């Protein structure tokens, strides 16, 4: 599975925060989806793209995990 997250560059999120987000996402997704690859980059808008996920239940579960990690900011440095 591949997760691509684009964060609007206007939000001024520093690189260490992006790295902490990536680490936390790996920590939450790898036990369930061992072949997960995550890419986080800055761009012109916010967006999430999932590929390699076949079942709708899996897509929903991954999106729930992503939302939970984003809302639970205890991983932020």
N, C-alpha and C. Protein backbone atom coordinates (compact mmCIF):
# COMPACT_ATOMS: atom_id res chain seq x y z
N UNK A 1 0.85 -1.17 0.00
CA UNK A 1 0.00 0.00 0.00
C UNK A 1 0.89 1.23 0.00
N UNK A 2 0.44 2.24 -0.69
CA UNK A 2 1.18 3.51 -0.75
C UNK A 2 0.25 4.62 -0.30
N UNK A 3 0.77 5.46 0.59
CA UNK A 3 0.03 6.62 1.09
C UNK A 3 0.82 7.86 0.71
N UNK A 4 0.19 8.74 -0.04
CA UNK A 4 0.81 10.01 -0.40
C UNK A 4 0.00 11.14 0.22
N UNK A 5 0.68 11.97 0.98
CA UNK A 5 0.03 13.09 1.65
C UNK A 5 0.68 14.37 1.15
N UNK A 6 -0.15 15.28 0.66
CA UNK A 6 0.34 16.58 0.24
C UNK A 6 -0.20 17.62 1.22
N UNK A 7 0.72 18.44 1.72
CA UNK A 7 0.35 19.49 2.67
C UNK A 7 0.64 20.83 2.03
N UNK A 8 -0.34 21.71 2.08
CA UNK A 8 -0.22 23.04 1.49
C UNK A 8 0.98 23.76 2.07
N UNK A 9 1.87 24.19 1.20
CA UNK A 9 3.10 24.86 1.65
C UNK A 9 2.81 26.17 2.38
N UNK A 10 1.63 26.73 2.19
CA UNK A 10 1.25 27.96 2.88
C UNK A 10 1.02 27.73 4.37
N UNK A 11 0.87 26.47 4.79
CA UNK A 11 0.63 26.18 6.21
C UNK A 11 1.89 26.30 7.06
N UNK A 12 3.03 26.44 6.47
CA UNK A 12 4.29 26.68 7.18
C UNK A 12 4.58 25.61 8.23
N UNK A 13 4.44 24.35 7.85
CA UNK A 13 4.76 23.25 8.74
C UNK A 13 6.22 22.90 8.52
N UNK A 14 7.00 22.85 9.62
CA UNK A 14 8.43 22.62 9.47
C UNK A 14 8.74 21.14 9.19
N UNK A 15 9.95 20.89 8.72
CA UNK A 15 10.37 19.56 8.29
C UNK A 15 10.36 18.56 9.44
N UNK A 16 10.74 18.97 10.63
CA UNK A 16 10.76 18.03 11.76
C UNK A 16 9.35 17.55 12.11
N UNK A 17 8.36 18.40 11.94
CA UNK A 17 6.97 18.00 12.18
C UNK A 17 6.52 16.99 11.13
N UNK A 18 6.89 17.22 9.88
CA UNK A 18 6.55 16.27 8.82
C UNK A 18 7.21 14.92 9.06
N UNK A 19 8.45 14.93 9.52
CA UNK A 19 9.15 13.68 9.81
C UNK A 19 8.51 12.95 10.99
N UNK A 20 8.09 13.70 12.00
CA UNK A 20 7.41 13.08 13.15
C UNK A 20 6.07 12.49 12.72
N UNK A 21 5.35 13.18 11.84
CA UNK A 21 4.09 12.67 11.32
C UNK A 21 4.31 11.37 10.56
N UNK A 22 5.31 11.35 9.71
CA UNK A 22 5.62 10.15 8.94
C UNK A 22 5.96 8.98 9.87
N UNK A 23 6.78 9.22 10.88
CA UNK A 23 7.15 8.16 11.82
C UNK A 23 5.92 7.62 12.56
N UNK A 24 5.04 8.51 12.97
CA UNK A 24 3.84 8.09 13.69
C UNK A 24 2.90 7.31 12.77
N UNK A 25 2.79 7.72 11.54
CA UNK A 25 1.95 6.98 10.60
C UNK A 25 2.50 5.58 10.36
N UNK A 26 3.82 5.47 10.18
CA UNK A 26 4.42 4.14 10.04
C UNK A 26 4.15 3.30 11.28
N UNK A 27 4.28 3.89 12.45
CA UNK A 27 4.07 3.16 13.70
C UNK A 27 2.64 2.61 13.79
N UNK A 28 1.68 3.35 13.27
CA UNK A 28 0.28 2.94 13.34
C UNK A 28 -0.14 2.03 12.19
N UNK A 29 0.45 2.20 11.02
CA UNK A 29 0.01 1.45 9.84
C UNK A 29 0.79 0.15 9.60
N UNK A 30 2.08 0.13 9.91
CA UNK A 30 2.89 -1.04 9.59
C UNK A 30 2.43 -2.33 10.28
N UNK A 31 1.94 -2.29 11.54
CA UNK A 31 1.47 -3.56 12.13
C UNK A 31 0.30 -4.17 11.34
N UNK A 32 -0.54 -3.34 10.75
CA UNK A 32 -1.70 -3.83 10.00
C UNK A 32 -1.38 -4.04 8.52
N UNK A 33 -0.53 -3.20 7.98
CA UNK A 33 -0.19 -3.23 6.55
C UNK A 33 1.34 -3.15 6.42
N UNK A 34 2.03 -4.30 6.55
CA UNK A 34 3.50 -4.31 6.60
C UNK A 34 4.20 -3.72 5.38
N UNK A 35 3.56 -3.75 4.23
CA UNK A 35 4.20 -3.25 3.01
C UNK A 35 3.82 -1.80 2.71
N UNK A 36 3.56 -1.03 3.75
CA UNK A 36 3.16 0.36 3.59
C UNK A 36 4.34 1.25 3.22
N UNK A 37 4.13 2.12 2.24
CA UNK A 37 5.11 3.16 1.90
C UNK A 37 4.38 4.50 2.05
N UNK A 38 5.03 5.43 2.74
CA UNK A 38 4.41 6.74 2.99
C UNK A 38 5.30 7.83 2.40
N UNK A 39 4.65 8.75 1.74
CA UNK A 39 5.35 9.92 1.21
C UNK A 39 4.58 11.16 1.63
N UNK A 40 5.26 12.08 2.29
CA UNK A 40 4.66 13.34 2.70
C UNK A 40 5.45 14.45 2.01
N UNK A 41 4.72 15.33 1.34
CA UNK A 41 5.40 16.42 0.65
C UNK A 41 4.57 17.69 0.72
N UNK A 42 5.24 18.78 0.49
CA UNK A 42 4.54 20.07 0.44
C UNK A 42 4.12 20.33 -0.99
N UNK A 43 2.96 20.97 -1.14
CA UNK A 43 2.44 21.25 -2.47
C UNK A 43 1.54 22.46 -2.45
N UNK A 44 0.70 22.56 -3.46
CA UNK A 44 -0.16 23.72 -3.59
C UNK A 44 -1.51 23.56 -2.90
N UNK A 45 -1.79 22.36 -2.38
CA UNK A 45 -3.07 22.10 -1.70
C UNK A 45 -2.90 20.92 -0.76
N UNK A 46 -3.88 20.69 0.10
CA UNK A 46 -3.88 19.52 0.97
C UNK A 46 -4.55 18.37 0.23
N UNK A 47 -4.03 17.16 0.44
CA UNK A 47 -4.65 16.00 -0.18
C UNK A 47 -4.03 14.71 0.30
N UNK A 48 -4.79 13.63 0.18
CA UNK A 48 -4.33 12.29 0.52
C UNK A 48 -4.69 11.36 -0.62
N UNK A 49 -3.74 10.54 -1.02
CA UNK A 49 -3.99 9.56 -2.07
C UNK A 49 -3.55 8.19 -1.58
N UNK A 50 -4.43 7.22 -1.67
CA UNK A 50 -4.13 5.84 -1.30
C UNK A 50 -4.08 5.00 -2.56
N UNK A 51 -3.08 4.14 -2.65
CA UNK A 51 -3.05 3.19 -3.77
C UNK A 51 -2.60 1.84 -3.23
N UNK A 52 -3.00 0.80 -3.91
CA UNK A 52 -2.66 -0.54 -3.49
C UNK A 52 -3.57 -1.10 -2.42
N UNK A 53 -4.69 -0.43 -2.17
CA UNK A 53 -5.68 -0.91 -1.19
C UNK A 53 -6.90 -1.34 -1.99
N UNK A 54 -7.24 -2.61 -1.89
CA UNK A 54 -8.31 -3.15 -2.74
C UNK A 54 -9.69 -3.06 -2.11
N UNK A 55 -9.78 -3.35 -0.83
CA UNK A 55 -11.08 -3.40 -0.18
C UNK A 55 -11.49 -2.05 0.37
N UNK A 56 -12.77 -1.72 0.21
CA UNK A 56 -13.28 -0.46 0.74
C UNK A 56 -13.12 -0.39 2.26
N UNK A 57 -13.28 -1.53 2.94
CA UNK A 57 -13.10 -1.56 4.40
C UNK A 57 -11.68 -1.17 4.78
N UNK A 58 -10.69 -1.64 4.01
CA UNK A 58 -9.30 -1.28 4.28
C UNK A 58 -9.06 0.20 4.04
N UNK A 59 -9.63 0.73 2.96
CA UNK A 59 -9.47 2.17 2.68
C UNK A 59 -10.05 2.99 3.82
N UNK A 60 -11.23 2.59 4.28
CA UNK A 60 -11.88 3.31 5.37
C UNK A 60 -11.04 3.22 6.65
N UNK A 61 -10.51 2.06 6.91
CA UNK A 61 -9.68 1.86 8.11
C UNK A 61 -8.42 2.72 8.06
N UNK A 62 -7.77 2.74 6.91
CA UNK A 62 -6.56 3.56 6.76
C UNK A 62 -6.88 5.03 6.94
N UNK A 63 -7.98 5.50 6.35
CA UNK A 63 -8.36 6.90 6.51
C UNK A 63 -8.67 7.23 7.97
N UNK A 64 -9.29 6.30 8.68
CA UNK A 64 -9.56 6.51 10.11
C UNK A 64 -8.26 6.61 10.89
N UNK A 65 -7.29 5.77 10.57
CA UNK A 65 -5.98 5.83 11.24
C UNK A 65 -5.30 7.15 10.95
N UNK A 66 -5.32 7.58 9.68
CA UNK A 66 -4.71 8.86 9.32
C UNK A 66 -5.35 10.01 10.08
N UNK A 67 -6.67 10.00 10.15
CA UNK A 67 -7.38 11.07 10.86
C UNK A 67 -7.04 11.03 12.35
N UNK A 68 -7.00 9.84 12.94
CA UNK A 68 -6.70 9.72 14.37
C UNK A 68 -5.29 10.26 14.67
N UNK A 69 -4.33 9.89 13.85
CA UNK A 69 -2.95 10.36 14.06
C UNK A 69 -2.89 11.88 13.94
N UNK A 70 -3.55 12.43 12.93
CA UNK A 70 -3.51 13.88 12.73
C UNK A 70 -4.16 14.62 13.90
N UNK A 71 -5.29 14.11 14.39
CA UNK A 71 -6.00 14.79 15.48
C UNK A 71 -5.32 14.60 16.83
N UNK A 72 -4.66 13.46 17.04
CA UNK A 72 -3.95 13.21 18.28
C UNK A 72 -2.53 13.72 18.11
N UNK A 73 -2.30 14.97 18.45
CA UNK A 73 -1.01 15.59 18.17
C UNK A 73 0.07 15.30 19.21
N UNK A 74 -0.08 14.23 19.98
CA UNK A 74 0.92 13.88 20.99
C UNK A 74 2.28 13.52 20.35
N UNK A 75 2.29 13.19 19.08
CA UNK A 75 3.51 12.84 18.36
C UNK A 75 4.31 14.06 17.95
N UNK A 76 3.69 15.24 18.00
CA UNK A 76 4.39 16.46 17.57
C UNK A 76 5.52 16.79 18.52
N UNK A 77 6.60 17.28 17.95
CA UNK A 77 7.77 17.62 18.75
C UNK A 77 7.78 19.07 19.14
